[in-house]
């Protein structure tokens, strides 16, 4: 296992990035990534409405705020959103800007999960960046695991 991180994010972490580096000592057959976070949804509608009204005051033009407040239910439920991107020693390797709270991703020479680029897996420092777009619950737990597949194993976690 190259990375096995469990952490929590709070609303103050919204609109930030967290980077996790790992080292491939030699070229690999495949890099596997398991990423998950929870909860996905803010279940407190009253709190969600407060957050929306606050954001309307901050981000919506004054002449459009009344309409936004009138249509507030369109924006419910509010969800946490954390996405990830990958860089290899040569640079950008792709991004997975999905709304799924559980993701299993693969990068190999001949195949890659959508959003990631297949190609040789060079030795050197790799980085996974988590983009914490919105954390609307008091706490959002996440887990990031990264491991290498040697060609004999077929994707199972170590």
Protein backbone atom coordinates (compact mmCIF):
# COMPACT_ATOMS: atom_id res chain seq x y z
CA UNK A 1 0.00 0.00 0.00
CA UNK A 2 1.50 3.31 -1.09
CA UNK A 3 -1.12 5.54 0.53
CA UNK A 4 -3.76 4.72 3.12
CA UNK A 5 -5.11 7.99 4.49
CA UNK A 6 -8.20 8.55 6.60
CA UNK A 7 -9.05 12.15 7.37
CA UNK A 8 -11.93 14.54 7.97
CA UNK A 9 -12.85 17.75 6.23
CA UNK A 10 -15.02 20.57 7.57
CA UNK A 11 -16.83 23.45 5.85
CA UNK A 12 -13.71 25.60 6.40
CA UNK A 13 -11.87 23.22 4.03
CA UNK A 14 -14.23 24.01 1.14
CA UNK A 15 -12.53 25.44 -1.94
CA UNK A 16 -9.12 24.00 -0.99
CA UNK A 17 -6.85 21.27 -2.29
CA UNK A 18 -5.03 18.54 -0.38
CA UNK A 19 -2.09 16.79 -2.04
CA UNK A 20 -0.75 13.34 -1.28
CA UNK A 21 2.53 12.25 -2.84
CA UNK A 22 3.74 8.71 -3.29
CA UNK A 23 6.83 7.18 -4.83
CA UNK A 24 7.00 4.49 -7.47
CA UNK A 25 10.47 3.00 -7.04
CA UNK A 26 10.20 1.21 -10.38
CA UNK A 27 7.77 1.21 -13.29
CA UNK A 28 4.51 -0.55 -12.44
CA UNK A 29 1.88 -2.58 -14.28
CA UNK A 30 -1.03 -0.59 -12.82
CA UNK A 31 -1.79 1.98 -10.16
CA UNK A 32 -5.06 1.39 -8.31
CA UNK A 33 -6.89 4.08 -6.38
CA UNK A 34 -9.78 3.67 -3.97
CA UNK A 35 -11.38 6.91 -2.82
CA UNK A 36 -14.49 7.42 -0.73
CA UNK A 37 -16.11 10.08 1.40
CA UNK A 38 -19.13 10.28 3.66
CA UNK A 39 -21.68 11.63 4.19
CA UNK A 40 -22.58 12.64 0.66
CA UNK A 41 -25.67 14.66 1.54
CA UNK A 42 -26.62 17.27 4.12
CA UNK A 43 -29.86 15.85 5.51
CA UNK A 44 -30.79 18.91 7.60
CA UNK A 45 -33.04 20.91 5.23
CA UNK A 46 -33.16 23.87 7.60
CA UNK A 47 -29.37 24.11 7.66
CA UNK A 48 -29.24 23.63 3.87
CA UNK A 49 -31.66 26.52 3.38
CA UNK A 50 -29.55 28.76 5.63
CA UNK A 51 -26.42 27.91 3.65
CA UNK A 52 -28.19 28.61 0.36
CA UNK A 53 -29.53 31.95 1.51
CA UNK A 54 -26.07 32.94 2.71
CA UNK A 55 -24.52 31.94 -0.62
CA UNK A 56 -27.20 33.86 -2.54
CA UNK A 57 -26.23 37.00 -0.62
CA UNK A 58 -22.58 36.40 -1.43
CA UNK A 59 -22.67 35.13 -5.03
CA UNK A 60 -25.95 36.12 -6.70
CA UNK A 61 -26.45 39.54 -8.23
CA UNK A 62 -28.78 41.70 -6.10
CA UNK A 63 -31.41 41.91 -8.84
CA UNK A 64 -31.51 38.09 -9.09
CA UNK A 65 -31.60 37.20 -5.38
CA UNK A 66 -35.40 37.28 -4.99
CA UNK A 67 -35.82 34.80 -7.83
CA UNK A 68 -33.06 32.57 -6.44
CA UNK A 69 -34.72 32.51 -3.02
CA UNK A 70 -38.08 31.79 -4.64
CA UNK A 71 -36.55 28.76 -6.40
CA UNK A 72 -34.46 27.64 -3.43
CA UNK A 73 -35.88 24.09 -3.46
CA UNK A 74 -34.27 23.50 -6.86
CA UNK A 75 -30.87 23.47 -5.18
CA UNK A 76 -31.76 20.87 -2.55
CA UNK A 77 -30.40 18.58 -1.34
CA UNK A 78 -26.97 20.04 -0.73
CA UNK A 79 -24.09 17.62 -1.22
CA UNK A 80 -20.48 17.40 -0.21
CA UNK A 81 -18.20 17.24 -3.23
CA UNK A 82 -14.61 16.04 -3.27
CA UNK A 83 -12.91 15.18 -6.56
CA UNK A 84 -9.42 13.98 -7.40
CA UNK A 85 -6.73 14.45 -10.00
CA UNK A 86 -3.48 12.59 -10.62
CA UNK A 87 -0.02 13.78 -11.63
CA UNK A 88 2.88 11.49 -12.52
CA UNK A 89 6.58 12.47 -12.59
CA UNK A 90 6.04 14.10 -16.00
CA UNK A 91 2.92 16.07 -15.10
CA UNK A 92 -0.86 15.85 -15.45
CA UNK A 93 -2.28 12.33 -15.73
CA UNK A 94 -5.98 13.16 -15.49
CA UNK A 95 -8.90 14.16 -13.29
CA UNK A 96 -11.95 12.38 -11.95
CA UNK A 97 -14.45 15.12 -11.24
CA UNK A 98 -17.28 12.78 -10.41
CA UNK A 99 -20.04 13.16 -7.87
CA UNK A 100 -19.74 9.51 -6.76
CA UNK A 101 -18.80 9.24 -3.09
CA UNK A 102 -17.06 5.87 -3.70
CA UNK A 103 -14.65 5.41 -6.59
CA UNK A 104 -12.35 2.64 -7.75
CA UNK A 105 -9.87 3.94 -10.33
CA UNK A 106 -7.10 2.41 -12.43
CA UNK A 107 -4.21 3.69 -14.49
CA UNK A 108 -2.14 1.28 -16.56
CA UNK A 109 -0.17 1.33 -19.78
CA UNK A 110 -3.08 0.02 -21.85
CA UNK A 111 -6.16 1.12 -19.91
CA UNK A 112 -7.39 3.84 -17.56
CA UNK A 113 -10.57 4.83 -15.80
CA UNK A 114 -12.49 7.64 -17.56
CA UNK A 115 -10.80 10.97 -16.94
CA UNK A 116 -7.37 9.39 -16.44
CA UNK A 117 -4.80 8.78 -19.17
CA UNK A 118 -3.36 5.38 -19.96
CA UNK A 119 0.36 5.09 -20.60
CA UNK A 120 3.58 3.92 -19.07
CA UNK A 121 3.74 4.18 -15.28
CA UNK A 122 7.10 5.80 -14.72
CA UNK A 123 9.12 5.51 -11.55
CA UNK A 124 9.30 8.69 -9.52
CA UNK A 125 7.02 10.91 -7.47
CA UNK A 126 3.29 10.81 -8.21
CA UNK A 127 0.69 13.08 -6.62
CA UNK A 128 -3.01 12.76 -6.00
CA UNK A 129 -4.79 16.04 -5.40
CA UNK A 130 -8.14 16.07 -3.64
CA UNK A 131 -10.21 19.12 -4.51
CA UNK A 132 -12.61 19.87 -1.68
CA UNK A 133 -15.15 21.83 -3.71
CA UNK A 134 -17.89 21.92 -1.08
CA UNK A 135 -18.12 20.52 2.43
CA UNK A 136 -21.63 21.31 3.64
CA UNK A 137 -21.86 18.91 6.58
CA UNK A 138 -20.16 19.61 9.91
CA UNK A 139 -17.64 16.88 9.08
CA UNK A 140 -16.94 14.75 6.04
CA UNK A 141 -14.74 11.68 6.47
CA UNK A 142 -12.65 10.54 3.53
CA UNK A 143 -10.31 7.70 2.75
CA UNK A 144 -7.71 7.51 0.00
CA UNK A 145 -5.87 4.29 -0.77
CA UNK A 146 -3.29 3.79 -3.51
CA UNK A 147 -1.44 0.60 -4.37
CA UNK A 148 0.41 -0.93 -7.29
CA UNK A 149 -0.63 -3.98 -9.21
CA UNK A 150 2.27 -6.13 -10.34
CA UNK A 151 0.55 -7.85 -13.27
CA UNK A 152 -0.28 -11.07 -11.45
CA UNK A 153 -2.86 -9.52 -9.11
CA UNK A 154 -6.02 -8.27 -10.73
CA UNK A 155 -7.08 -5.15 -8.88
CA UNK A 156 -7.89 -6.40 -5.40
CA UNK A 157 -6.78 -4.26 -2.51
CA UNK A 158 -3.74 -5.57 -0.62
